[in-house]
């Protein structure tokens, strides 16, 4: 079950922080609307790694699609284009 608390609970910061664990973020609300999510540093690191991997896979897919659509160049064609 999500750990949802009002942002005013931050007055007693240590009680809020002790509830933040890997896989168990604490969501803080103001006037019934979410404003802050607190996650453990380990979980944040893992999320950032997953995002970086996703972005890498997306760029690789773009490259593959470009090769399929436009083809590739030989080393001779590249050298000629560069004037080498």
PDB file of N, CA and C in Angstrom:
ATOM      1  N   UNK A   1       0.846  -1.177   0.000  1.00  0.00           N
ATOM      2  CA  UNK A   1       0.000   0.000   0.000  1.00  0.00           C
ATOM      3  C   UNK A   1       0.893   1.243   0.000  1.00  0.00           C
ATOM      4  N   UNK A   2       0.561   2.242  -0.823  1.00  0.00           N
ATOM      5  CA  UNK A   2       1.395   3.443  -0.896  1.00  0.00           C
ATOM      6  C   UNK A   2       1.449   4.176   0.438  1.00  0.00           C
ATOM      7  N   UNK A   3       2.604   4.754   0.709  1.00  0.00           N
ATOM      8  CA  UNK A   3       2.792   5.537   1.920  1.00  0.00           C
ATOM      9  C   UNK A   3       2.558   7.000   1.559  1.00  0.00           C
ATOM     10  N   UNK A   4       1.347   7.486   1.799  1.00  0.00           N
ATOM     11  CA  UNK A   4       0.946   8.844   1.438  1.00  0.00           C
ATOM     12  C   UNK A   4       0.745   9.641   2.716  1.00  0.00           C
ATOM     13  N   UNK A   5       1.420  10.798   2.764  1.00  0.00           N
ATOM     14  CA  UNK A   5       1.336  11.627   3.966  1.00  0.00           C
ATOM     15  C   UNK A   5       1.240  13.091   3.552  1.00  0.00           C
ATOM     16  N   UNK A   6       0.656  13.910   4.396  1.00  0.00           N
ATOM     17  CA  UNK A   6       0.613  15.349   4.085  1.00  0.00           C
ATOM     18  C   UNK A   6       2.002  15.973   4.224  1.00  0.00           C
ATOM     19  N   UNK A   7       2.278  16.960   3.397  1.00  0.00           N
ATOM     20  CA  UNK A   7       3.577  17.620   3.420  1.00  0.00           C
ATOM     21  C   UNK A   7       3.859  18.239   4.791  1.00  0.00           C
ATOM     22  N   UNK A   8       2.824  18.547   5.529  1.00  0.00           N
ATOM     23  CA  UNK A   8       3.014  19.124   6.869  1.00  0.00           C
ATOM     24  C   UNK A   8       3.732  18.148   7.805  1.00  0.00           C
ATOM     25  N   UNK A   9       3.723  16.849   7.476  1.00  0.00           N
ATOM     26  CA  UNK A   9       4.462  15.872   8.284  1.00  0.00           C
ATOM     27  C   UNK A   9       5.967  16.120   8.258  1.00  0.00           C
ATOM     28  N   UNK A  10       6.421  16.932   7.315  1.00  0.00           N
ATOM     29  CA  UNK A  10       7.852  17.222   7.244  1.00  0.00           C
ATOM     30  C   UNK A  10       8.331  18.044   8.445  1.00  0.00           C
ATOM     31  N   UNK A  11       7.402  18.580   9.201  1.00  0.00           N
ATOM     32  CA  UNK A  11       7.807  19.282  10.434  1.00  0.00           C
ATOM     33  C   UNK A  11       8.572  18.329  11.340  1.00  0.00           C
ATOM     34  N   UNK A  12       8.173  17.070  11.288  1.00  0.00           N
ATOM     35  CA  UNK A  12       8.869  16.024  12.038  1.00  0.00           C
ATOM     36  C   UNK A  12       9.586  15.142  11.007  1.00  0.00           C
ATOM     37  N   UNK A  13      10.596  15.738  10.382  1.00  0.00           N
ATOM     38  CA  UNK A  13      11.293  15.155   9.244  1.00  0.00           C
ATOM     39  C   UNK A  13      11.797  13.736   9.499  1.00  0.00           C
ATOM     40  N   UNK A  14      12.355  13.491  10.644  1.00  0.00           N
ATOM     41  CA  UNK A  14      12.947  12.175  10.917  1.00  0.00           C
ATOM     42  C   UNK A  14      11.897  11.063  10.896  1.00  0.00           C
ATOM     43  N   UNK A  15      10.672  11.352  11.292  1.00  0.00           N
ATOM     44  CA  UNK A  15       9.618  10.337  11.245  1.00  0.00           C
ATOM     45  C   UNK A  15       9.221  10.001   9.802  1.00  0.00           C
ATOM     46  N   UNK A  16       9.327  10.979   8.913  1.00  0.00           N
ATOM     47  CA  UNK A  16       9.000  10.736   7.505  1.00  0.00           C
ATOM     48  C   UNK A  16      10.135   9.941   6.860  1.00  0.00           C
ATOM     49  N   UNK A  17      11.372  10.356   7.096  1.00  0.00           N
ATOM     50  CA  UNK A  17      12.526   9.729   6.462  1.00  0.00           C
ATOM     51  C   UNK A  17      12.674   8.270   6.862  1.00  0.00           C
ATOM     52  N   UNK A  18      12.364   7.928   8.091  1.00  0.00           N
ATOM     53  CA  UNK A  18      12.526   6.535   8.535  1.00  0.00           C
ATOM     54  C   UNK A  18      11.610   5.582   7.776  1.00  0.00           C
ATOM     55  N   UNK A  19      10.544   6.107   7.180  1.00  0.00           N
ATOM     56  CA  UNK A  19       9.618   5.271   6.421  1.00  0.00           C
ATOM     57  C   UNK A  19      10.038   5.069   4.968  1.00  0.00           C
ATOM     58  N   UNK A  20      11.033   5.832   4.504  1.00  0.00           N
ATOM     59  CA  UNK A  20      11.501   5.709   3.122  1.00  0.00           C
ATOM     60  C   UNK A  20      12.450   4.520   3.034  1.00  0.00           C
ATOM     61  N   UNK A  21      12.076   3.540   2.223  1.00  0.00           N
ATOM     62  CA  UNK A  21      12.889   2.349   2.026  1.00  0.00           C
ATOM     63  C   UNK A  21      12.864   1.982   0.548  1.00  0.00           C
ATOM     64  N   UNK A  22      13.810   1.134   0.136  1.00  0.00           N
ATOM     65  CA  UNK A  22      13.850   0.691  -1.253  1.00  0.00           C
ATOM     66  C   UNK A  22      12.514   0.019  -1.593  1.00  0.00           C
ATOM     67  N   UNK A  23      11.888   0.469  -2.656  1.00  0.00           N
ATOM     68  CA  UNK A  23      10.607  -0.097  -3.071  1.00  0.00           C
ATOM     69  C   UNK A  23       9.417   0.436  -2.300  1.00  0.00           C
ATOM     70  N   UNK A  24       9.679   1.359  -1.372  1.00  0.00           N
ATOM     71  CA  UNK A  24       8.601   1.920  -0.554  1.00  0.00           C
ATOM     72  C   UNK A  24       8.803   3.437  -0.440  1.00  0.00           C
ATOM     73  N   UNK A  25       8.515   4.164  -1.533  1.00  0.00           N
ATOM     74  CA  UNK A  25       8.655   5.613  -1.468  1.00  0.00           C
ATOM     75  C   UNK A  25       7.576   6.229  -0.575  1.00  0.00           C
ATOM     76  N   UNK A  26       7.827   7.433  -0.138  1.00  0.00           N
ATOM     77  CA  UNK A  26       6.841   8.188   0.621  1.00  0.00           C
ATOM     78  C   UNK A  26       6.364   9.329  -0.268  1.00  0.00           C
ATOM     79  N   UNK A  27       5.064   9.413  -0.462  1.00  0.00           N
ATOM     80  CA  UNK A  27       4.464  10.463  -1.273  1.00  0.00           C
ATOM     81  C   UNK A  27       3.891  11.524  -0.345  1.00  0.00           C
ATOM     82  N   UNK A  28       4.276  12.769  -0.593  1.00  0.00           N
ATOM     83  CA  UNK A  28       3.784  13.867   0.229  1.00  0.00           C
ATOM     84  C   UNK A  28       2.770  14.678  -0.574  1.00  0.00           C
ATOM     85  N   UNK A  29       1.690  15.038   0.088  1.00  0.00           N
ATOM     86  CA  UNK A  29       0.613  15.759  -0.577  1.00  0.00           C
ATOM     87  C   UNK A  29       0.386  17.117   0.067  1.00  0.00           C
ATOM     88  N   UNK A  30      -0.173  18.014  -0.733  1.00  0.00           N
ATOM     89  CA  UNK A  30      -0.591  19.331  -0.234  1.00  0.00           C
ATOM     90  C   UNK A  30      -1.993  19.567  -0.768  1.00  0.00           C
ATOM     91  N   UNK A  31      -2.915  19.814   0.122  1.00  0.00           N
ATOM     92  CA  UNK A  31      -4.324  19.989  -0.244  1.00  0.00           C
ATOM     93  C   UNK A  31      -4.843  18.801  -1.056  1.00  0.00           C
ATOM     94  N   UNK A  32      -4.377  17.607  -0.712  1.00  0.00           N
ATOM     95  CA  UNK A  32      -4.858  16.394  -1.351  1.00  0.00           C
ATOM     96  C   UNK A  32      -4.213  16.053  -2.680  1.00  0.00           C
ATOM     97  N   UNK A  33      -3.245  16.852  -3.116  1.00  0.00           N
ATOM     98  CA  UNK A  33      -2.576  16.615  -4.391  1.00  0.00           C
ATOM     99  C   UNK A  33      -1.103  16.283  -4.152  1.00  0.00           C
ATOM    100  N   UNK A  34      -0.584  15.316  -4.893  1.00  0.00           N
ATOM    101  CA  UNK A  34       0.814  14.927  -4.753  1.00  0.00           C
ATOM    102  C   UNK A  34       1.748  16.055  -5.140  1.00  0.00           C
ATOM    103  N   UNK A  35       2.780  16.301  -4.311  1.00  0.00           N
ATOM    104  CA  UNK A  35       3.750  17.347  -4.606  1.00  0.00           C
ATOM    105  C   UNK A  35       5.197  16.844  -4.541  1.00  0.00           C
ATOM    106  N   UNK A  36       5.463  15.833  -3.729  1.00  0.00           N
ATOM    107  CA  UNK A  36       6.825  15.351  -3.540  1.00  0.00           C
ATOM    108  C   UNK A  36       6.793  13.836  -3.375  1.00  0.00           C
ATOM    109  N   UNK A  37       7.796  13.179  -3.957  1.00  0.00           N
ATOM    110  CA  UNK A  37       7.992  11.753  -3.710  1.00  0.00           C
ATOM    111  C   UNK A  37       9.396  11.593  -3.137  1.00  0.00           C
ATOM    112  N   UNK A  38       9.514  10.881  -2.049  1.00  0.00           N
ATOM    113  CA  UNK A  38      10.815  10.620  -1.435  1.00  0.00           C
ATOM    114  C   UNK A  38      11.161   9.154  -1.656  1.00  0.00           C
ATOM    115  N   UNK A  39      12.340   8.912  -2.270  1.00  0.00           N
ATOM    116  CA  UNK A  39      12.798   7.541  -2.510  1.00  0.00           C
ATOM    117  C   UNK A  39      14.190   7.391  -1.918  1.00  0.00           C
ATOM    118  N   UNK A  40      14.571   6.162  -1.643  1.00  0.00           N
ATOM    119  CA  UNK A  40      15.904   5.918  -1.110  1.00  0.00           C
ATOM    120  C   UNK A  40      16.947   6.221  -2.182  1.00  0.00           C
ATOM    121  N   UNK A  41      18.163   6.558  -1.766  1.00  0.00           N
ATOM    122  CA  UNK A  41      19.231   6.857  -2.717  1.00  0.00           C
ATOM    123  C   UNK A  41      19.538   5.644  -3.590  1.00  0.00           C
ATOM    124  N   UNK A  42      19.513   4.451  -3.002  1.00  0.00           N
ATOM    125  CA  UNK A  42      19.775   3.233  -3.768  1.00  0.00           C
ATOM    126  C   UNK A  42      18.732   3.059  -4.873  1.00  0.00           C
ATOM    127  N   UNK A  43      17.481   3.284  -4.528  1.00  0.00           N
ATOM    128  CA  UNK A  43      16.414   3.153  -5.525  1.00  0.00           C
ATOM    129  C   UNK A  43      16.547   4.232  -6.601  1.00  0.00           C
ATOM    130  N   UNK A  44      16.891   5.452  -6.203  1.00  0.00           N
ATOM    131  CA  UNK A  44      17.084   6.528  -7.168  1.00  0.00           C
ATOM    132  C   UNK A  44      18.209   6.177  -8.132  1.00  0.00           C
ATOM    133  N   UNK A  45      19.324   5.652  -7.618  1.00  0.00           N
ATOM    134  CA  UNK A  45      20.429   5.233  -8.480  1.00  0.00           C
ATOM    135  C   UNK A  45      19.970   4.174  -9.478  1.00  0.00           C
ATOM    136  N   UNK A  46      19.212   3.196  -9.010  1.00  0.00           N
ATOM    137  CA  UNK A  46      18.708   2.144  -9.902  1.00  0.00           C
ATOM    138  C   UNK A  46      17.764   2.712 -10.956  1.00  0.00           C
ATOM    139  N   UNK A  47      16.905   3.641 -10.568  1.00  0.00           N
ATOM    140  CA  UNK A  47      15.986   4.263 -11.517  1.00  0.00           C
ATOM    141  C   UNK A  47      16.744   5.052 -12.576  1.00  0.00           C
ATOM    142  N   UNK A  48      17.800   5.767 -12.160  1.00  0.00           N
ATOM    143  CA  UNK A  48      18.600   6.529 -13.111  1.00  0.00           C
ATOM    144  C   UNK A  48      19.333   5.605 -14.080  1.00  0.00           C
ATOM    145  N   UNK A  49      19.814   4.467 -13.594  1.00  0.00           N
ATOM    146  CA  UNK A  49      20.475   3.495 -14.470  1.00  0.00           C
ATOM    147  C   UNK A  49      19.483   2.927 -15.483  1.00  0.00           C
ATOM    148  N   UNK A  50      18.281   2.613 -15.019  1.00  0.00           N
ATOM    149  CA  UNK A  50      17.254   2.088 -15.925  1.00  0.00           C
ATOM    150  C   UNK A  50      16.891   3.119 -16.991  1.00  0.00           C
ATOM    151  N   UNK A  51      16.794   4.379 -16.591  1.00  0.00           N
ATOM    152  CA  UNK A  51      16.472   5.441 -17.543  1.00  0.00           C
ATOM    153  C   UNK A  51      17.588   5.597 -18.572  1.00  0.00           C
ATOM    154  N   UNK A  52      18.847   5.562 -18.120  1.00  0.00           N
ATOM    155  CA  UNK A  52      19.980   5.674 -19.039  1.00  0.00           C
ATOM    156  C   UNK A  52      19.977   4.508 -20.023  1.00  0.00           C
ATOM    157  N   UNK A  53      19.697   3.312 -19.546  1.00  0.00           N
ATOM    158  CA  UNK A  53      19.649   2.135 -20.416  1.00  0.00           C
ATOM    159  C   UNK A  53      18.517   2.266 -21.428  1.00  0.00           C
ATOM    160  N   UNK A  54      17.368   2.745 -20.992  1.00  0.00           N
ATOM    161  CA  UNK A  54      16.242   2.953 -21.893  1.00  0.00           C
ATOM    162  C   UNK A  54      16.608   3.958 -22.984  1.00  0.00           C
ATOM    163  N   UNK A  55      17.243   5.078 -22.593  1.00  0.00           N
ATOM    164  CA  UNK A  55      17.638   6.094 -23.568  1.00  0.00           C
ATOM    165  C   UNK A  55      18.647   5.520 -24.560  1.00  0.00           C
ATOM    166  N   UNK A  56      19.591   4.709 -24.071  1.00  0.00           N
ATOM    167  CA  UNK A  56      20.580   4.078 -24.942  1.00  0.00           C
ATOM    168  C   UNK A  56      19.886   3.163 -25.949  1.00  0.00           C
ATOM    169  N   UNK A  57      18.959   2.334 -25.481  1.00  0.00           N
ATOM    170  CA  UNK A  57      18.237   1.424 -26.378  1.00  0.00           C
ATOM    171  C   UNK A  57      17.436   2.200 -27.413  1.00  0.00           C
ATOM    172  N   UNK A  58      16.852   3.330 -27.000  1.00  0.00           N
ATOM    173  CA  UNK A  58      16.087   4.152 -27.923  1.00  0.00           C
ATOM    174  C   UNK A  58      16.991   4.713 -29.015  1.00  0.00           C
ATOM    175  N   UNK A  59      18.168   5.194 -28.639  1.00  0.00           N
ATOM    176  CA  UNK A  59      19.107   5.725 -29.634  1.00  0.00           C
ATOM    177  C   UNK A  59      19.607   4.618 -30.560  1.00  0.00           C
ATOM    178  N   UNK A  60      19.851   3.438 -30.021  1.00  0.00           N
ATOM    179  CA  UNK A  60      20.269   2.312 -30.858  1.00  0.00           C
ATOM    180  C   UNK A  60      19.170   1.965 -31.864  1.00  0.00           C
ATOM    181  N   UNK A  61      17.931   1.989 -31.444  1.00  0.00           N
ATOM    182  CA  UNK A  61      16.802   1.703 -32.334  1.00  0.00           C
ATOM    183  C   UNK A  61      16.719   2.747 -33.446  1.00  0.00           C
ATOM    184  N   UNK A  62      16.940   4.016 -33.086  1.00  0.00           N
ATOM    185  CA  UNK A  62      16.932   5.069 -34.104  1.00  0.00           C
ATOM    186  C   UNK A  62      18.022   4.814 -35.136  1.00  0.00           C
ATOM    187  N   UNK A  63      19.211   4.415 -34.660  1.00  0.00           N
ATOM    188  CA  UNK A  63      20.312   4.111 -35.568  1.00  0.00           C
ATOM    189  C   UNK A  63      19.994   2.940 -36.482  1.00  0.00           C
ATOM    190  N   UNK A  64      19.424   1.892 -35.918  1.00  0.00           N
ATOM    191  CA  UNK A  64      19.047   0.727 -36.721  1.00  0.00           C
ATOM    192  C   UNK A  64      18.006   1.100 -37.775  1.00  0.00           C
ATOM    193  N   UNK A  65      17.025   1.899 -37.369  1.00  0.00           N
ATOM    194  CA  UNK A  65      15.989   2.327 -38.321  1.00  0.00           C
ATOM    195  C   UNK A  65      16.592   3.176 -39.440  1.00  0.00           C
ATOM    196  N   UNK A  66      17.551   4.035 -39.084  1.00  0.00           N
ATOM    197  CA  UNK A  66      18.209   4.869 -40.088  1.00  0.00           C
ATOM    198  C   UNK A  66      18.972   4.011 -41.087  1.00  0.00           C
ATOM    199  N   UNK A  67      19.663   2.986 -40.585  1.00  0.00           N
ATOM    200  CA  UNK A  67      20.403   2.083 -41.473  1.00  0.00           C
ATOM    201  C   UNK A  67      19.436   1.363 -42.412  1.00  0.00           C
ATOM    202  N   UNK A  68      18.313   0.914 -41.882  1.00  0.00           N
ATOM    203  CA  UNK A  68      17.327   0.215 -42.715  1.00  0.00           C
ATOM    204  C   UNK A  68      16.754   1.146 -43.785  1.00  0.00           C
ATOM    205  N   UNK A  69      16.528   2.400 -43.403  1.00  0.00           N
ATOM    206  CA  UNK A  69      15.903   3.344 -44.331  1.00  0.00           C
ATOM    207  C   UNK A  69      16.903   3.918 -45.328  1.00  0.00           C
ATOM    208  N   UNK A  70      18.097   4.275 -44.867  1.00  0.00           N
ATOM    209  CA  UNK A  70      19.048   4.987 -45.722  1.00  0.00           C
ATOM    210  C   UNK A  70      20.258   4.156 -46.128  1.00  0.00           C
ATOM    211  N   UNK A  71      20.442   3.012 -45.522  1.00  0.00           N
ATOM    212  CA  UNK A  71      21.602   2.191 -45.850  1.00  0.00           C
ATOM    213  C   UNK A  71      22.849   2.678 -45.123  1.00  0.00           C
ATOM    214  N   UNK A  72      23.999   2.148 -45.539  1.00  0.00           N
ATOM    215  CA  UNK A  72      25.273   2.511 -44.920  1.00  0.00           C
ATOM    216  C   UNK A  72      26.254   2.963 -45.989  1.00  0.00           C
ATOM    217  N   UNK A  73      27.398   3.473 -45.555  1.00  0.00           N
ATOM    218  CA  UNK A  73      28.457   3.908 -46.453  1.00  0.00           C
ATOM    219  C   UNK A  73      29.663   2.998 -46.285  1.00  0.00           C
ATOM    220  N   UNK A  74      30.399   2.784 -47.371  1.00  0.00           N
ATOM    221  CA  UNK A  74      31.645   2.038 -47.269  1.00  0.00           C
ATOM    222  C   UNK A  74      32.727   2.992 -46.769  1.00  0.00           C
ATOM    223  N   UNK A  75      33.830   2.430 -46.316  1.00  0.00           N
ATOM    224  CA  UNK A  75      34.931   3.274 -45.843  1.00  0.00           C
ATOM    225  C   UNK A  75      35.479   4.121 -46.988  1.00  0.00           C
ATOM    226  N   UNK A  76      35.470   3.584 -48.208  1.00  0.00           N
ATOM    227  CA  UNK A  76      35.940   4.338 -49.363  1.00  0.00           C
ATOM    228  C   UNK A  76      35.052   5.559 -49.621  1.00  0.00           C
ATOM    229  N   UNK A  77      33.748   5.386 -49.494  1.00  0.00           N
ATOM    230  CA  UNK A  77      32.814   6.504 -49.694  1.00  0.00           C
ATOM    231  C   UNK A  77      33.028   7.583 -48.636  1.00  0.00           C
ATOM    232  N   UNK A  78      33.271   7.172 -47.417  1.00  0.00           N
ATOM    233  CA  UNK A  78      33.498   8.142 -46.344  1.00  0.00           C
ATOM    234  C   UNK A  78      34.798   8.892 -46.576  1.00  0.00           C
ATOM    235  N   UNK A  79      35.853   8.181 -46.949  1.00  0.00           N
ATOM    236  CA  UNK A  79      37.147   8.819 -47.198  1.00  0.00           C
ATOM    237  C   UNK A  79      37.038   9.803 -48.360  1.00  0.00           C
ATOM    238  N   UNK A  80      36.299   9.423 -49.400  1.00  0.00           N
ATOM    239  CA  UNK A  80      36.105  10.320 -50.550  1.00  0.00           C
ATOM    240  C   UNK A  80      35.353  11.572 -50.111  1.00  0.00           C
ATOM    241  N   UNK A  81      34.306  11.391 -49.314  1.00  0.00           N
ATOM    242  CA  UNK A  81      33.512  12.528 -48.831  1.00  0.00           C
ATOM    243  C   UNK A  81      34.363  13.468 -47.983  1.00  0.00           C
ATOM    244  N   UNK A  82      35.288  12.910 -47.196  1.00  0.00           N
ATOM    245  CA  UNK A  82      36.157  13.707 -46.334  1.00  0.00           C
ATOM    246  C   UNK A  82      37.372  14.247 -47.082  1.00  0.00           C
ATOM    247  N   UNK A  83      37.551  13.813 -48.315  1.00  0.00           N
ATOM    248  CA  UNK A  83      38.683  14.277 -49.115  1.00  0.00           C
ATOM    249  C   UNK A  83      40.004  13.674 -48.683  1.00  0.00           C
ATOM    250  N   UNK A  84      39.954  12.467 -48.197  1.00  0.00           N
ATOM    251  CA  UNK A  84      41.166  11.790 -47.730  1.00  0.00           C
ATOM    252  C   UNK A  84      41.676  10.852 -48.805  1.00  0.00           C
TER     253      UNK A  84
END
